[in-house]
Amino acid sequence: MPIQIAILCLLCLSLIYATSLIIRAIKSIARRSGLGAYGITAFILAISTSLPELVVSVVASFEGKTSLVLGNIIGSNIADLSLVIGGAAILGGSMHVMGIVLSRDIYLAGAAGFLPLFLIADGTLSRADGVVLLVIYGVMVATFLRSHHRSLADHAMGKVPIKRFLVAVASSSGHIGVLRFLVGVGLLLASSHYIVYFASALGQSTGLSALFIGLFIVSVGTSLPELVFEIRAVLSGQVKMALGDLLGSVVANSTLILGIASIINPLTLTDRGLVPYGLAIGAFTLIYFLFINFVKSKKRLDWWEGLILLGVYILFMLMESANN
């Protein structure tokens, strides 16, 4: 068992490294092409930090491991709103939250987080449900882009020549960026495959459920890129970007990732339905409403509030452990 846990930890570190390679490649090409000034880089980074959850969930879906998929996504959402944002608030101090747009994003993230639970209440997240989730993700992204990145519309209309992007890719440094991107994707795919494999093996050897492993071991590993990004952003004073990436990750996890996973292979619950997920759903609900109350009451998240969120996560982990 210790060997399997050590291997899982190494694979999670491999996920972080792979994601960092992809992010560096995207930032390099976008910066050289001049497209970063139009907000494209920030948008792509928000998606990139969710790549581990996406690939792990897709691999698990191919193998029919519903509990691992749902555990990973629900666990990642819980970790994002408690462990990640709580850790960033504790290390970075008070995080000031301003703007009507950001307030709306908080509610959109909550709606996205609860939607899959409503759709799977009948026992199955079908391919039709997956299409619904993808459509909703598209609508949310369109709303986000209209609110935050009006210049993207200018780019789509051709006011920013796409040739600059192609020239950047064709340059020698662009080749390095593309190579770094491909290596990162390959490492991400390989790491995700073996995370699913060793997570299943760990469950069989210890008696831990796939749900528990997904909720804590896999989800924390796949949430580490967000944690690193949030801490860096907060310490550099980019709180709005940090919160935007965090809320965007919750939306992507709940709609884009679960949508793709359920289209690949419908996610079917056992005869017990959502009962095994009850504690996790309760934890997500509590953490989400605590988060809303904290940021809406004073327009900031203080370090001690981050400590409370982190404490709720630890309490949830202990209760789920006792349950297992």
C-alpha atoms as a PDB file:
ATOM      1  CA  MET A   1       0.000   0.000   0.000  1.00  0.00           C
ATOM      2  CA  PRO A   2       2.727   2.600   0.844  1.00  0.00           C
ATOM      3  CA  ILE A   3       4.306   1.948  -2.561  1.00  0.00           C
ATOM      4  CA  GLN A   4       0.990   2.513  -4.350  1.00  0.00           C
ATOM      5  CA  ILE A   5       0.404   5.768  -2.450  1.00  0.00           C
ATOM      6  CA  ALA A   6       3.944   6.926  -3.261  1.00  0.00           C
ATOM      7  CA  ILE A   7       3.428   6.128  -6.952  1.00  0.00           C
ATOM      8  CA  LEU A   8       0.116   8.025  -6.943  1.00  0.00           C
ATOM      9  CA  CYS A   9       1.846  11.046  -5.381  1.00  0.00           C
ATOM     10  CA  LEU A  10       4.590  10.927  -8.015  1.00  0.00           C
ATOM     11  CA  LEU A  11       1.989  10.679 -10.772  1.00  0.00           C
ATOM     12  CA  CYS A  12       0.178  13.714  -9.354  1.00  0.00           C
ATOM     13  CA  LEU A  13       3.470  15.628  -9.406  1.00  0.00           C
ATOM     14  CA  SER A  14       3.868  14.483 -13.000  1.00  0.00           C
ATOM     15  CA  LEU A  15       0.421  15.958 -13.719  1.00  0.00           C
ATOM     16  CA  ILE A  16       1.521  19.305 -12.276  1.00  0.00           C
ATOM     17  CA  TYR A  17       4.705  19.298 -14.358  1.00  0.00           C
ATOM     18  CA  ALA A  18       2.799  18.373 -17.521  1.00  0.00           C
ATOM     19  CA  THR A  19       0.284  21.162 -16.915  1.00  0.00           C
ATOM     20  CA  SER A  20       3.080  23.673 -16.295  1.00  0.00           C
ATOM     21  CA  LEU A  21       4.697  22.676 -19.607  1.00  0.00           C
ATOM     22  CA  ILE A  22       1.425  23.269 -21.443  1.00  0.00           C
ATOM     23  CA  ILE A  23       0.818  26.618 -19.719  1.00  0.00           C
ATOM     24  CA  ARG A  24       4.360  27.823 -20.439  1.00  0.00           C
ATOM     25  CA  ALA A  25       4.012  26.824 -24.088  1.00  0.00           C
ATOM     26  CA  ILE A  26       0.699  28.663 -24.472  1.00  0.00           C
ATOM     27  CA  LYS A  27       2.001  31.778 -22.705  1.00  0.00           C
ATOM     28  CA  SER A  28       5.156  31.813 -24.823  1.00  0.00           C
ATOM     29  CA  ILE A  29       3.354  31.532 -28.161  1.00  0.00           C
ATOM     30  CA  ALA A  30       0.611  33.984 -27.154  1.00  0.00           C
ATOM     31  CA  ARG A  31       3.166  36.527 -25.923  1.00  0.00           C
ATOM     32  CA  ARG A  32       5.248  36.350 -29.097  1.00  0.00           C
ATOM     33  CA  SER A  33       2.181  36.609 -31.320  1.00  0.00           C
ATOM     34  CA  GLY A  34       0.877  39.615 -29.392  1.00  0.00           C
ATOM     35  CA  LEU A  35      -2.429  37.912 -28.685  1.00  0.00           C
ATOM     36  CA  GLY A  36      -1.910  38.009 -24.934  1.00  0.00           C
ATOM     37  CA  ALA A  37      -2.912  41.675 -24.908  1.00  0.00           C
ATOM     38  CA  TYR A  38      -6.407  40.693 -25.956  1.00  0.00           C
ATOM     39  CA  GLY A  39      -7.103  38.488 -22.941  1.00  0.00           C
ATOM     40  CA  ILE A  40      -6.752  35.219 -24.850  1.00  0.00           C
ATOM     41  CA  THR A  41      -3.884  34.029 -22.682  1.00  0.00           C
ATOM     42  CA  ALA A  42      -5.847  34.410 -19.437  1.00  0.00           C
ATOM     43  CA  PHE A  43      -8.824  32.538 -20.883  1.00  0.00           C
ATOM     44  CA  ILE A  44      -6.690  29.621 -22.093  1.00  0.00           C
ATOM     45  CA  LEU A  45      -4.866  29.448 -18.762  1.00  0.00           C
ATOM     46  CA  ALA A  46      -8.201  29.027 -16.981  1.00  0.00           C
ATOM     47  CA  ILE A  47      -8.936  25.987 -19.147  1.00  0.00           C
ATOM     48  CA  SER A  48      -5.380  24.667 -18.851  1.00  0.00           C
ATOM     49  CA  THR A  49      -5.508  24.405 -15.056  1.00  0.00           C
ATOM     50  CA  SER A  50      -8.524  22.076 -15.460  1.00  0.00           C
ATOM     51  CA  LEU A  51      -6.723  19.756 -17.887  1.00  0.00           C
ATOM     52  CA  PRO A  52      -5.775  17.190 -15.186  1.00  0.00           C
ATOM     53  CA  GLU A  53      -9.424  16.780 -14.124  1.00  0.00           C
ATOM     54  CA  LEU A  54     -10.470  16.517 -17.768  1.00  0.00           C
ATOM     55  CA  VAL A  55      -7.988  13.847 -18.805  1.00  0.00           C
ATOM     56  CA  VAL A  56      -8.330  11.774 -15.614  1.00  0.00           C
ATOM     57  CA  SER A  57     -12.134  11.849 -15.897  1.00  0.00           C
ATOM     58  CA  VAL A  58     -12.072  10.910 -19.586  1.00  0.00           C
ATOM     59  CA  VAL A  59      -9.727   7.977 -18.928  1.00  0.00           C
ATOM     60  CA  ALA A  60     -11.861   6.807 -15.985  1.00  0.00           C
ATOM     61  CA  SER A  61     -15.009   7.176 -18.102  1.00  0.00           C
ATOM     62  CA  PHE A  62     -13.546   4.979 -20.847  1.00  0.00           C
ATOM     63  CA  GLU A  63     -12.958   2.326 -18.175  1.00  0.00           C
ATOM     64  CA  GLY A  64     -16.490   2.681 -16.776  1.00  0.00           C
ATOM     65  CA  LYS A  65     -15.387   3.925 -13.338  1.00  0.00           C
ATOM     66  CA  THR A  66     -18.348   6.173 -12.506  1.00  0.00           C
ATOM     67  CA  SER A  67     -17.471   6.614  -8.810  1.00  0.00           C
ATOM     68  CA  LEU A  68     -13.950   7.727  -9.676  1.00  0.00           C
ATOM     69  CA  VAL A  69     -15.223  10.245 -12.247  1.00  0.00           C
ATOM     70  CA  LEU A  70     -17.843  11.759  -9.940  1.00  0.00           C
ATOM     71  CA  GLY A  71     -15.533  11.602  -6.923  1.00  0.00           C
ATOM     72  CA  ASN A  72     -12.822  13.430  -8.845  1.00  0.00           C
ATOM     73  CA  ILE A  73     -15.155  16.203 -10.045  1.00  0.00           C
ATOM     74  CA  ILE A  74     -17.094  16.720  -6.801  1.00  0.00           C
ATOM     75  CA  GLY A  75     -13.866  16.467  -4.806  1.00  0.00           C
ATOM     76  CA  SER A  76     -12.117  18.962  -7.092  1.00  0.00           C
ATOM     77  CA  ASN A  77     -14.969  21.465  -6.750  1.00  0.00           C
ATOM     78  CA  ILE A  78     -14.894  21.105  -2.962  1.00  0.00           C
ATOM     79  CA  ALA A  79     -11.098  21.434  -2.913  1.00  0.00           C
ATOM     80  CA  ASP A  80     -11.193  24.513  -5.185  1.00  0.00           C
ATOM     81  CA  LEU A  81     -13.635  26.394  -2.927  1.00  0.00           C
ATOM     82  CA  SER A  82     -11.975  25.398   0.356  1.00  0.00           C
ATOM     83  CA  LEU A  83      -8.465  23.961   0.167  1.00  0.00           C
ATOM     84  CA  VAL A  84      -7.306  26.055  -2.814  1.00  0.00           C
ATOM     85  CA  ILE A  85      -8.985  29.403  -2.112  1.00  0.00           C
ATOM     86  CA  GLY A  86      -8.551  28.942   1.638  1.00  0.00           C
ATOM     87  CA  GLY A  87      -4.840  28.259   1.243  1.00  0.00           C
ATOM     88  CA  ALA A  88      -4.441  31.257  -1.077  1.00  0.00           C
ATOM     89  CA  ALA A  89      -6.268  33.544   1.384  1.00  0.00           C
ATOM     90  CA  ILE A  90      -4.166  32.340   4.332  1.00  0.00           C
ATOM     91  CA  LEU A  91      -0.871  32.836   2.489  1.00  0.00           C
ATOM     92  CA  GLY A  92      -1.844  36.014   0.637  1.00  0.00           C
ATOM     93  CA  GLY A  93      -3.888  37.775   3.311  1.00  0.00           C
ATOM     94  CA  SER A  94      -7.198  39.498   2.535  1.00  0.00           C
ATOM     95  CA  MET A  95      -8.466  39.007  -1.014  1.00  0.00           C
ATOM     96  CA  HIS A  96     -10.584  41.951  -2.182  1.00  0.00           C
ATOM     97  CA  VAL A  97     -13.521  40.965  -4.392  1.00  0.00           C
ATOM     98  CA  MET A  98     -15.063  43.741  -6.464  1.00  0.00           C
ATOM     99  CA  GLY A  99     -17.349  44.055  -9.448  1.00  0.00           C
ATOM    100  CA  ILE A 100     -20.870  43.043 -10.450  1.00  0.00           C
ATOM    101  CA  VAL A 101     -19.461  40.710 -13.106  1.00  0.00           C
ATOM    102  CA  LEU A 102     -17.469  38.694 -10.567  1.00  0.00           C
ATOM    103  CA  SER A 103     -20.551  38.453  -8.337  1.00  0.00           C
ATOM    104  CA  ARG A 104     -22.486  36.980 -11.247  1.00  0.00           C
ATOM    105  CA  ASP A 105     -19.661  34.525 -11.911  1.00  0.00           C
ATOM    106  CA  ILE A 106     -19.981  33.248  -8.325  1.00  0.00           C
ATOM    107  CA  TYR A 107     -23.645  32.394  -8.877  1.00  0.00           C
ATOM    108  CA  LEU A 108     -22.925  30.856 -12.293  1.00  0.00           C
ATOM    109  CA  ALA A 109     -20.280  28.620 -10.705  1.00  0.00           C
ATOM    110  CA  GLY A 110     -22.767  27.508  -8.053  1.00  0.00           C
ATOM    111  CA  ALA A 111     -25.449  26.749 -10.639  1.00  0.00           C
ATOM    112  CA  ALA A 112     -22.933  24.757 -12.684  1.00  0.00           C
ATOM    113  CA  GLY A 113     -21.799  22.828  -9.608  1.00  0.00           C
ATOM    114  CA  PHE A 114     -25.308  21.706  -8.657  1.00  0.00           C
ATOM    115  CA  LEU A 115     -26.643  21.054 -12.186  1.00  0.00           C
ATOM    116  CA  PRO A 116     -25.000  17.618 -12.772  1.00  0.00           C
ATOM    117  CA  LEU A 117     -26.326  16.418  -9.403  1.00  0.00           C
ATOM    118  CA  PHE A 118     -29.837  17.316 -10.543  1.00  0.00           C
ATOM    119  CA  LEU A 119     -29.369  15.591 -13.915  1.00  0.00           C
ATOM    120  CA  ILE A 120     -27.999  12.378 -12.392  1.00  0.00           C
ATOM    121  CA  ALA A 121     -30.744  12.157  -9.742  1.00  0.00           C
ATOM    122  CA  ASP A 122     -32.572   9.634 -11.975  1.00  0.00           C
ATOM    123  CA  GLY A 123     -29.588   7.285 -11.670  1.00  0.00           C
ATOM    124  CA  THR A 124     -27.781   8.034 -14.927  1.00  0.00           C
ATOM    125  CA  LEU A 125     -25.914  10.936 -16.472  1.00  0.00           C
ATOM    126  CA  SER A 126     -26.784  10.031 -20.052  1.00  0.00           C
ATOM    127  CA  ARG A 127     -25.281  11.161 -23.337  1.00  0.00           C
ATOM    128  CA  ALA A 128     -28.230  13.549 -23.732  1.00  0.00           C
ATOM    129  CA  ASP A 129     -27.401  14.999 -20.309  1.00  0.00           C
ATOM    130  CA  GLY A 130     -23.805  15.343 -21.467  1.00  0.00           C
ATOM    131  CA  VAL A 131     -24.901  17.347 -24.504  1.00  0.00           C
ATOM    132  CA  VAL A 132     -26.981  19.593 -22.231  1.00  0.00           C
ATOM    133  CA  LEU A 133     -23.945  20.188 -20.010  1.00  0.00           C
ATOM    134  CA  LEU A 134     -21.748  21.051 -23.000  1.00  0.00           C
ATOM    135  CA  VAL A 135     -24.347  23.481 -24.381  1.00  0.00           C
ATOM    136  CA  ILE A 136     -24.627  25.161 -20.987  1.00  0.00           C
ATOM    137  CA  TYR A 137     -20.836  25.384 -20.793  1.00  0.00           C
ATOM    138  CA  GLY A 138     -20.811  27.065 -24.204  1.00  0.00           C
ATOM    139  CA  VAL A 139     -23.444  29.580 -23.088  1.00  0.00           C
ATOM    140  CA  MET A 140     -21.526  30.334 -19.881  1.00  0.00           C
ATOM    141  CA  VAL A 141     -18.273  30.807 -21.786  1.00  0.00           C
ATOM    142  CA  ALA A 142     -19.988  33.143 -24.264  1.00  0.00           C
ATOM    143  CA  THR A 143     -21.401  35.157 -21.346  1.00  0.00           C
ATOM    144  CA  PHE A 144     -17.990  35.276 -19.692  1.00  0.00           C
ATOM    145  CA  LEU A 145     -16.237  36.410 -22.867  1.00  0.00           C
ATOM    146  CA  ARG A 146     -18.775  39.155 -23.522  1.00  0.00           C
ATOM    147  CA  SER A 147     -18.336  40.455 -19.981  1.00  0.00           C
ATOM    148  CA  HIS A 148     -14.577  40.140 -19.579  1.00  0.00           C
ATOM    149  CA  HIS A 149     -12.947  40.060 -22.986  1.00  0.00           C
ATOM    150  CA  ARG A 150     -14.767  42.262 -25.490  1.00  0.00           C
ATOM    151  CA  SER A 151     -11.538  42.450 -27.472  1.00  0.00           C
ATOM    152  CA  LEU A 152     -11.914  38.762 -28.339  1.00  0.00           C
ATOM    153  CA  ALA A 153     -14.758  39.790 -30.632  1.00  0.00           C
ATOM    154  CA  ASP A 154     -12.346  42.133 -32.401  1.00  0.00           C
ATOM    155  CA  HIS A 155      -9.949  39.235 -32.803  1.00  0.00           C
ATOM    156  CA  ALA A 156     -12.705  37.060 -34.284  1.00  0.00           C
ATOM    157  CA  MET A 157     -13.558  39.838 -36.776  1.00  0.00           C
ATOM    158  CA  GLY A 158     -10.003  39.854 -38.016  1.00  0.00           C
ATOM    159  CA  LYS A 159      -8.799  43.054 -36.367  1.00  0.00           C
ATOM    160  CA  VAL A 160      -5.943  41.052 -34.882  1.00  0.00           C
ATOM    161  CA  PRO A 161      -4.172  39.211 -37.736  1.00  0.00           C
ATOM    162  CA  ILE A 162      -4.033  35.472 -37.145  1.00  0.00           C
ATOM    163  CA  LYS A 163      -0.844  35.532 -39.227  1.00  0.00           C
ATOM    164  CA  ARG A 164       0.987  36.810 -36.170  1.00  0.00           C
ATOM    165  CA  PHE A 165       0.059  33.633 -34.347  1.00  0.00           C
ATOM    166  CA  LEU A 166       1.224  31.448 -37.254  1.00  0.00           C
ATOM    167  CA  VAL A 167       4.484  33.392 -37.544  1.00  0.00           C
ATOM    168  CA  ALA A 168       5.088  32.932 -33.818  1.00  0.00           C
ATOM    169  CA  VAL A 169       4.517  29.178 -34.129  1.00  0.00           C
ATOM    170  CA  ALA A 170       6.768  28.956 -37.199  1.00  0.00           C
ATOM    171  CA  SER A 171       9.690  30.698 -35.480  1.00  0.00           C
ATOM    172  CA  SER A 172      12.452  28.715 -33.804  1.00  0.00           C
ATOM    173  CA  SER A 173      11.204  29.657 -30.353  1.00  0.00           C
ATOM    174  CA  GLY A 174       7.703  28.777 -31.540  1.00  0.00           C
ATOM    175  CA  HIS A 175       8.937  25.290 -32.427  1.00  0.00           C
ATOM    176  CA  ILE A 176      10.215  24.924 -28.880  1.00  0.00           C
ATOM    177  CA  GLY A 177       6.829  26.053 -27.589  1.00  0.00           C
ATOM    178  CA  VAL A 178       4.993  23.525 -29.759  1.00  0.00           C
ATOM    179  CA  LEU A 179       7.385  20.753 -28.684  1.00  0.00           C
ATOM    180  CA  ARG A 180       6.900  21.702 -25.030  1.00  0.00           C
ATOM    181  CA  PHE A 181       3.126  21.637 -25.578  1.00  0.00           C
ATOM    182  CA  LEU A 182       3.200  18.177 -27.190  1.00  0.00           C
ATOM    183  CA  VAL A 183       5.463  16.747 -24.478  1.00  0.00           C
ATOM    184  CA  GLY A 184       3.146  18.198 -21.845  1.00  0.00           C
ATOM    185  CA  VAL A 185       0.061  16.666 -23.464  1.00  0.00           C
ATOM    186  CA  GLY A 186       1.767  13.274 -23.792  1.00  0.00           C
ATOM    187  CA  LEU A 187       2.904  13.334 -20.168  1.00  0.00           C
ATOM    188  CA  LEU A 188      -0.567  14.443 -19.077  1.00  0.00           C
ATOM    189  CA  LEU A 189      -2.235  11.541 -20.883  1.00  0.00           C
ATOM    190  CA  ALA A 190       0.234   8.957 -19.562  1.00  0.00           C
ATOM    191  CA  SER A 191       0.062  10.255 -15.981  1.00  0.00           C
ATOM    192  CA  SER A 192      -3.743  10.298 -16.039  1.00  0.00           C
ATOM    193  CA  HIS A 193      -3.933   6.735 -17.321  1.00  0.00           C
ATOM    194  CA  TYR A 194      -1.690   5.413 -14.554  1.00  0.00           C
ATOM    195  CA  ILE A 195      -3.401   7.521 -11.878  1.00  0.00           C
ATOM    196  CA  VAL A 196      -6.674   5.760 -12.716  1.00  0.00           C
ATOM    197  CA  TYR A 197      -4.892   2.387 -12.777  1.00  0.00           C
ATOM    198  CA  PHE A 198      -3.099   2.787  -9.434  1.00  0.00           C
ATOM    199  CA  ALA A 199      -6.119   4.450  -7.795  1.00  0.00           C
ATOM    200  CA  SER A 200      -8.180   1.375  -8.662  1.00  0.00           C
ATOM    201  CA  ALA A 201      -5.415  -0.931  -7.413  1.00  0.00           C
ATOM    202  CA  LEU A 202      -5.170   1.044  -4.166  1.00  0.00           C
ATOM    203  CA  GLY A 203      -8.908   0.700  -3.642  1.00  0.00           C
ATOM    204  CA  GLN A 204      -8.773  -3.059  -4.137  1.00  0.00           C
ATOM    205  CA  SER A 205      -5.821  -3.552  -1.786  1.00  0.00           C
ATOM    206  CA  THR A 206      -7.063  -1.282   1.029  1.00  0.00           C
ATOM    207  CA  GLY A 207     -10.817  -1.658   0.778  1.00  0.00           C
ATOM    208  CA  LEU A 208     -11.219   2.089   0.240  1.00  0.00           C
ATOM    209  CA  SER A 209     -14.038   2.937  -2.142  1.00  0.00           C
ATOM    210  CA  ALA A 210     -13.346   4.431  -5.567  1.00  0.00           C
ATOM    211  CA  LEU A 211     -15.463   7.390  -4.458  1.00  0.00           C
ATOM    212  CA  PHE A 212     -13.205   8.074  -1.455  1.00  0.00           C
ATOM    213  CA  ILE A 213     -10.061   7.807  -3.580  1.00  0.00           C
ATOM    214  CA  GLY A 214     -11.588  10.136  -6.173  1.00  0.00           C
ATOM    215  CA  LEU A 215     -12.786  12.629  -3.544  1.00  0.00           C
ATOM    216  CA  PHE A 216      -9.433  13.041  -1.838  1.00  0.00           C
ATOM    217  CA  ILE A 217      -6.398  11.421  -3.453  1.00  0.00           C
ATOM    218  CA  VAL A 218      -7.139  11.990  -7.142  1.00  0.00           C
ATOM    219  CA  SER A 219      -9.055  15.272  -6.779  1.00  0.00           C
ATOM    220  CA  VAL A 220      -6.376  16.894  -4.611  1.00  0.00           C
ATOM    221  CA  GLY A 221      -3.717  15.801  -7.099  1.00  0.00           C
ATOM    222  CA  THR A 222      -5.632  17.211 -10.063  1.00  0.00           C
ATOM    223  CA  SER A 223      -6.377  20.450  -8.136  1.00  0.00           C
ATOM    224  CA  LEU A 224      -2.716  21.207  -7.413  1.00  0.00           C
ATOM    225  CA  PRO A 225      -2.248  23.293 -10.611  1.00  0.00           C
ATOM    226  CA  GLU A 226      -5.101  25.553  -9.446  1.00  0.00           C
ATOM    227  CA  LEU A 227      -3.528  25.825  -5.987  1.00  0.00           C
ATOM    228  CA  VAL A 228      -0.148  26.858  -7.414  1.00  0.00           C
ATOM    229  CA  PHE A 229      -1.789  29.327  -9.814  1.00  0.00           C
ATOM    230  CA  GLU A 230      -4.029  30.863  -7.105  1.00  0.00           C
ATOM    231  CA  ILE A 231      -1.166  31.403  -4.666  1.00  0.00           C
ATOM    232  CA  ARG A 232       1.038  32.976  -7.345  1.00  0.00           C
ATOM    233  CA  ALA A 233      -1.796  35.217  -8.552  1.00  0.00           C
ATOM    234  CA  VAL A 234      -2.768  36.363  -5.042  1.00  0.00           C
ATOM    235  CA  LEU A 235       0.820  37.070  -4.001  1.00  0.00           C
ATOM    236  CA  SER A 236       1.308  39.142  -7.179  1.00  0.00           C
ATOM    237  CA  GLY A 237      -1.862  41.139  -6.496  1.00  0.00           C
ATOM    238  CA  GLN A 238      -3.948  39.577  -9.285  1.00  0.00           C
ATOM    239  CA  VAL A 239      -6.877  38.590  -7.064  1.00  0.00           C
ATOM    240  CA  LYS A 240      -9.532  39.018  -9.746  1.00  0.00           C
ATOM    241  CA  MET A 241      -7.629  36.702 -12.084  1.00  0.00           C
ATOM    242  CA  ALA A 242      -7.204  34.170  -9.269  1.00  0.00           C
ATOM    243  CA  LEU A 243     -10.918  34.120  -8.440  1.00  0.00           C
ATOM    244  CA  GLY A 244     -11.834  34.094 -12.125  1.00  0.00           C
ATOM    245  CA  ASP A 245      -9.665  31.037 -12.714  1.00  0.00           C
ATOM    246  CA  LEU A 246     -11.068  29.333  -9.620  1.00  0.00           C
ATOM    247  CA  LEU A 247     -14.729  29.897 -10.544  1.00  0.00           C
ATOM    248  CA  GLY A 248     -13.980  29.004 -14.159  1.00  0.00           C
ATOM    249  CA  SER A 249     -12.508  25.700 -12.989  1.00  0.00           C
ATOM    250  CA  VAL A 250     -15.687  24.846 -11.055  1.00  0.00           C
ATOM    251  CA  VAL A 251     -17.775  25.604 -14.158  1.00  0.00           C
ATOM    252  CA  ALA A 252     -15.470  23.583 -16.434  1.00  0.00           C
ATOM    253  CA  ASN A 253     -15.375  20.625 -14.026  1.00  0.00           C
ATOM    254  CA  SER A 254     -19.153  20.449 -13.675  1.00  0.00           C
ATOM    255  CA  THR A 255     -20.203  21.052 -17.276  1.00  0.00           C
ATOM    256  CA  LEU A 256     -17.407  20.605 -19.823  1.00  0.00           C
ATOM    257  CA  ILE A 257     -15.627  17.688 -18.152  1.00  0.00           C
ATOM    258  CA  LEU A 258     -18.687  15.780 -16.941  1.00  0.00           C
ATOM    259  CA  GLY A 259     -20.360  16.483 -20.279  1.00  0.00           C
ATOM    260  CA  ILE A 260     -17.493  14.925 -22.240  1.00  0.00           C
ATOM    261  CA  ALA A 261     -17.169  12.010 -19.788  1.00  0.00           C
ATOM    262  CA  SER A 262     -20.887  11.146 -19.976  1.00  0.00           C
ATOM    263  CA  ILE A 263     -20.938  11.351 -23.777  1.00  0.00           C
ATOM    264  CA  ILE A 264     -18.009   8.920 -23.937  1.00  0.00           C
ATOM    265  CA  ASN A 265     -19.668   6.531 -21.497  1.00  0.00           C
ATOM    266  CA  PRO A 266     -22.916   7.329 -19.621  1.00  0.00           C
ATOM    267  CA  LEU A 267     -22.293   7.542 -15.870  1.00  0.00           C
ATOM    268  CA  THR A 268     -24.597   5.135 -14.021  1.00  0.00           C
ATOM    269  CA  LEU A 269     -25.079   5.097 -10.257  1.00  0.00           C
ATOM    270  CA  THR A 270     -25.488   1.934  -8.201  1.00  0.00           C
ATOM    271  CA  ASP A 271     -28.817   0.924  -6.673  1.00  0.00           C
ATOM    272  CA  ARG A 272     -28.063   3.254  -3.756  1.00  0.00           C
ATOM    273  CA  GLY A 273     -28.226   6.263  -6.069  1.00  0.00           C
ATOM    274  CA  LEU A 274     -26.731   9.459  -4.653  1.00  0.00           C
ATOM    275  CA  VAL A 275     -26.719   8.163  -1.062  1.00  0.00           C
ATOM    276  CA  PRO A 276     -22.938   7.434  -1.034  1.00  0.00           C
ATOM    277  CA  TYR A 277     -22.365  10.995  -2.282  1.00  0.00           C
ATOM    278  CA  GLY A 278     -24.562  12.578   0.411  1.00  0.00           C
ATOM    279  CA  LEU A 279     -21.732  13.764   2.658  1.00  0.00           C
ATOM    280  CA  ALA A 280     -19.777  15.167  -0.302  1.00  0.00           C
ATOM    281  CA  ILE A 281     -22.843  16.990  -1.651  1.00  0.00           C
ATOM    282  CA  GLY A 282     -23.515  18.397   1.819  1.00  0.00           C
ATOM    283  CA  ALA A 283     -19.889  19.542   2.125  1.00  0.00           C
ATOM    284  CA  PHE A 284     -19.988  21.243  -1.285  1.00  0.00           C
ATOM    285  CA  THR A 285     -23.250  23.000  -0.384  1.00  0.00           C
ATOM    286  CA  LEU A 286     -21.908  24.233   2.970  1.00  0.00           C
ATOM    287  CA  ILE A 287     -18.565  25.369   1.541  1.00  0.00           C
ATOM    288  CA  TYR A 288     -20.201  27.134  -1.417  1.00  0.00           C
ATOM    289  CA  PHE A 289     -22.622  29.121   0.752  1.00  0.00           C
ATOM    290  CA  LEU A 290     -19.882  29.948   3.255  1.00  0.00           C
ATOM    291  CA  PHE A 291     -17.760  31.218   0.364  1.00  0.00           C
ATOM    292  CA  ILE A 292     -20.645  33.358  -0.958  1.00  0.00           C
ATOM    293  CA  ASN A 293     -21.353  34.789   2.488  1.00  0.00           C
ATOM    294  CA  PHE A 294     -17.701  35.640   3.075  1.00  0.00           C
ATOM    295  CA  VAL A 295     -17.072  37.413  -0.245  1.00  0.00           C
ATOM    296  CA  LYS A 296     -20.460  39.152  -0.511  1.00  0.00           C
ATOM    297  CA  SER A 297     -20.641  40.537   3.037  1.00  0.00           C
ATOM    298  CA  LYS A 298     -17.421  42.584   2.966  1.00  0.00           C
ATOM    299  CA  LYS A 299     -16.321  42.339  -0.673  1.00  0.00           C
ATOM    300  CA  ARG A 300     -13.223  40.476   0.473  1.00  0.00           C
ATOM    301  CA  LEU A 301     -12.054  37.114   1.778  1.00  0.00           C
ATOM    302  CA  ASP A 302      -9.971  37.456   4.958  1.00  0.00           C
ATOM    303  CA  TRP A 303      -7.266  35.018   6.010  1.00  0.00           C
ATOM    304  CA  TRP A 304      -9.330  33.748   8.951  1.00  0.00           C
ATOM    305  CA  GLU A 305     -12.238  33.013   6.599  1.00  0.00           C
ATOM    306  CA  GLY A 306      -9.820  31.043   4.447  1.00  0.00           C
ATOM    307  CA  LEU A 307      -8.875  29.166   7.612  1.00  0.00           C
ATOM    308  CA  ILE A 308     -12.552  28.321   8.219  1.00  0.00           C
ATOM    309  CA  LEU A 309     -12.942  27.017   4.657  1.00  0.00           C
ATOM    310  CA  LEU A 310      -9.808  24.927   5.093  1.00  0.00           C
ATOM    311  CA  GLY A 311     -11.114  23.643   8.432  1.00  0.00           C
ATOM    312  CA  VAL A 312     -14.421  22.578   6.866  1.00  0.00           C
ATOM    313  CA  TYR A 313     -12.479  20.660   4.205  1.00  0.00           C
ATOM    314  CA  ILE A 314     -10.429  18.852   6.858  1.00  0.00           C
ATOM    315  CA  LEU A 315     -13.603  18.052   8.827  1.00  0.00           C
ATOM    316  CA  PHE A 316     -15.229  16.689   5.665  1.00  0.00           C
ATOM    317  CA  MET A 317     -12.186  14.508   5.010  1.00  0.00           C
ATOM    318  CA  LEU A 318     -12.248  13.109   8.558  1.00  0.00           C
ATOM    319  CA  MET A 319     -15.988  12.376   8.401  1.00  0.00           C
ATOM    320  CA  GLU A 320     -15.677  10.685   5.013  1.00  0.00           C
ATOM    321  CA  SER A 321     -12.732   8.652   6.339  1.00  0.00           C
ATOM    322  CA  ALA A 322     -14.809   7.472   9.289  1.00  0.00           C
ATOM    323  CA  ASN A 323     -17.592   6.602   6.859  1.00  0.00           C
ATOM    324  CA  ASN A 324     -15.248   4.361   4.898  1.00  0.00           C
END
